[in-house]
C-alpha atoms as a PDB file:
ATOM      1  CA  UNK A   1      97.605 178.955 314.985  1.00  0.00           C
ATOM      2  CA  UNK A   2      96.640 179.365 318.543  1.00  0.00           C
ATOM      3  CA  UNK A   3      93.985 182.339 319.097  1.00  0.00           C
ATOM      4  CA  UNK A   4      94.314 184.623 322.239  1.00  0.00           C
ATOM      5  CA  UNK A   5      91.472 186.658 322.710  1.00  0.00           C
ATOM      6  CA  UNK A   6      91.815 189.952 325.072  1.00  0.00           C
ATOM      7  CA  UNK A   7      88.868 192.314 326.083  1.00  0.00           C
ATOM      8  CA  UNK A   8      89.674 196.101 326.490  1.00  0.00           C
ATOM      9  CA  UNK A   9      87.442 196.637 329.128  1.00  0.00           C
ATOM     10  CA  UNK A  10      89.420 194.371 331.513  1.00  0.00           C
ATOM     11  CA  UNK A  11      92.348 197.048 331.288  1.00  0.00           C
ATOM     12  CA  UNK A  12      90.983 199.351 334.033  1.00  0.00           C
ATOM     13  CA  UNK A  13      94.384 200.261 335.834  1.00  0.00           C
ATOM     14  CA  UNK A  14      97.961 199.554 334.711  1.00  0.00           C
ATOM     15  CA  UNK A  15      97.852 196.892 337.430  1.00  0.00           C
ATOM     16  CA  UNK A  16      94.641 195.363 336.098  1.00  0.00           C
ATOM     17  CA  UNK A  17      96.003 195.680 332.412  1.00  0.00           C
ATOM     18  CA  UNK A  18      99.109 193.344 333.615  1.00  0.00           C
ATOM     19  CA  UNK A  19      97.584 190.955 335.615  1.00  0.00           C
ATOM     20  CA  UNK A  20      94.928 190.483 332.959  1.00  0.00           C
ATOM     21  CA  UNK A  21      97.389 189.858 330.195  1.00  0.00           C
ATOM     22  CA  UNK A  22      99.386 187.387 332.522  1.00  0.00           C
ATOM     23  CA  UNK A  23      96.381 185.552 333.151  1.00  0.00           C
ATOM     24  CA  UNK A  24      95.667 185.135 329.480  1.00  0.00           C
ATOM     25  CA  UNK A  25      99.217 184.412 327.929  1.00  0.00           C
ATOM     26  CA  UNK A  26     100.551 182.657 331.130  1.00  0.00           C
ATOM     27  CA  UNK A  27     103.868 184.815 331.140  1.00  0.00           C
ATOM     28  CA  UNK A  28     106.871 183.496 332.875  1.00  0.00           C
ATOM     29  CA  UNK A  29     107.574 184.257 336.243  1.00  0.00           C
ATOM     30  CA  UNK A  30     110.290 187.047 335.561  1.00  0.00           C
ATOM     31  CA  UNK A  31     107.278 189.269 333.757  1.00  0.00           C
ATOM     32  CA  UNK A  32     108.001 192.535 335.018  1.00  0.00           C
ATOM     33  CA  UNK A  33     104.706 194.115 334.606  1.00  0.00           C
ATOM     34  CA  UNK A  34     105.922 197.362 332.904  1.00  0.00           C
ATOM     35  CA  UNK A  35     105.790 198.288 328.766  1.00  0.00           C
ATOM     36  CA  UNK A  36     109.411 196.934 328.280  1.00  0.00           C
ATOM     37  CA  UNK A  37     108.729 193.290 329.727  1.00  0.00           C
ATOM     38  CA  UNK A  38     105.239 193.078 327.832  1.00  0.00           C
ATOM     39  CA  UNK A  39     107.117 193.363 324.325  1.00  0.00           C
ATOM     40  CA  UNK A  40     109.724 190.954 325.691  1.00  0.00           C
ATOM     41  CA  UNK A  41     107.441 188.345 326.599  1.00  0.00           C
ATOM     42  CA  UNK A  42     105.107 189.034 323.457  1.00  0.00           C
ATOM     43  CA  UNK A  43     107.921 188.907 321.257  1.00  0.00           C
ATOM     44  CA  UNK A  44     108.632 185.336 322.378  1.00  0.00           C
ATOM     45  CA  UNK A  45     105.867 184.335 321.180  1.00  0.00           C
ATOM     46  CA  UNK A  46     105.496 183.049 317.402  1.00  0.00           C
ATOM     47  CA  UNK A  47     102.831 181.506 315.200  1.00  0.00           C
ATOM     48  CA  UNK A  48      99.902 183.142 317.435  1.00  0.00           C
ATOM     49  CA  UNK A  49      96.602 185.346 316.481  1.00  0.00           C
ATOM     50  CA  UNK A  50      95.452 188.031 319.050  1.00  0.00           C
ATOM     51  CA  UNK A  51      92.298 189.422 318.899  1.00  0.00           C
ATOM     52  CA  UNK A  52      91.727 192.579 320.892  1.00  0.00           C
ATOM     53  CA  UNK A  53      87.751 193.257 321.414  1.00  0.00           C
ATOM     54  CA  UNK A  54      86.766 196.493 322.507  1.00  0.00           C
ATOM     55  CA  UNK A  55      90.307 198.099 322.001  1.00  0.00           C
ATOM     56  CA  UNK A  56      89.172 201.597 322.600  1.00  0.00           C
ATOM     57  CA  UNK A  57      88.296 200.822 326.239  1.00  0.00           C
ATOM     58  CA  UNK A  58      91.864 200.559 326.719  1.00  0.00           C
ATOM     59  CA  UNK A  59      92.853 204.486 325.823  1.00  0.00           C
ATOM     60  CA  UNK A  60      89.881 205.315 327.628  1.00  0.00           C
ATOM     61  CA  UNK A  61      90.883 203.679 330.749  1.00  0.00           C
ATOM     62  CA  UNK A  62      94.532 204.157 330.761  1.00  0.00           C
ATOM     63  CA  UNK A  63      94.859 207.172 328.363  1.00  0.00           C
ATOM     64  CA  UNK A  64      98.350 207.631 326.574  1.00  0.00           C
ATOM     65  CA  UNK A  65      99.324 204.445 328.603  1.00  0.00           C
ATOM     66  CA  UNK A  66      96.741 202.681 327.148  1.00  0.00           C
ATOM     67  CA  UNK A  67      98.107 203.912 323.619  1.00  0.00           C
ATOM     68  CA  UNK A  68     101.480 202.740 324.396  1.00  0.00           C
ATOM     69  CA  UNK A  69     100.092 198.837 325.118  1.00  0.00           C
ATOM     70  CA  UNK A  70      98.184 199.091 321.680  1.00  0.00           C
ATOM     71  CA  UNK A  71     101.527 200.242 319.664  1.00  0.00           C
ATOM     72  CA  UNK A  72     103.242 197.219 321.402  1.00  0.00           C
ATOM     73  CA  UNK A  73     100.419 194.918 319.629  1.00  0.00           C
ATOM     74  CA  UNK A  74     100.529 196.857 316.524  1.00  0.00           C
ATOM     75  CA  UNK A  75     104.545 196.505 316.231  1.00  0.00           C
ATOM     76  CA  UNK A  76     103.919 192.730 317.131  1.00  0.00           C
ATOM     77  CA  UNK A  77     101.753 192.160 314.151  1.00  0.00           C
ATOM     78  CA  UNK A  78     103.438 190.346 311.342  1.00  0.00           C
ATOM     79  CA  UNK A  79     106.452 189.747 314.040  1.00  0.00           C
ATOM     80  CA  UNK A  80     107.485 186.161 314.066  1.00  0.00           C
ATOM     81  CA  UNK A  81     104.172 184.872 312.479  1.00  0.00           C
ATOM     82  CA  UNK A  82     102.109 186.703 315.073  1.00  0.00           C
ATOM     83  CA  UNK A  83      98.763 188.428 313.919  1.00  0.00           C
ATOM     84  CA  UNK A  84      97.184 190.821 315.604  1.00  0.00           C
ATOM     85  CA  UNK A  85      93.340 192.156 314.810  1.00  0.00           C
ATOM     86  CA  UNK A  86      92.161 195.152 317.107  1.00  0.00           C
ATOM     87  CA  UNK A  87      88.596 195.366 317.007  1.00  0.00           C
ATOM     88  CA  UNK A  88      87.463 199.133 318.021  1.00  0.00           C
END
């Protein structure tokens, strides 16, 4: 099982967040840098583990939008063998 580690400190702006996620996961070219597209590309993954360290920094920097990003990862947990752990 491949592990991806995300650092909440990298989510300073929406653009920074999507650029960072793309650099970590190497999303396909059709990735649209929005929440719907984020779900689409993440839900295609299977049998992986994602650790989000400093997770509280995401809503701290992005307010409600950051919570929506965390919700996507929360919904992803358990989907197609994906494990997500958020470390606050």
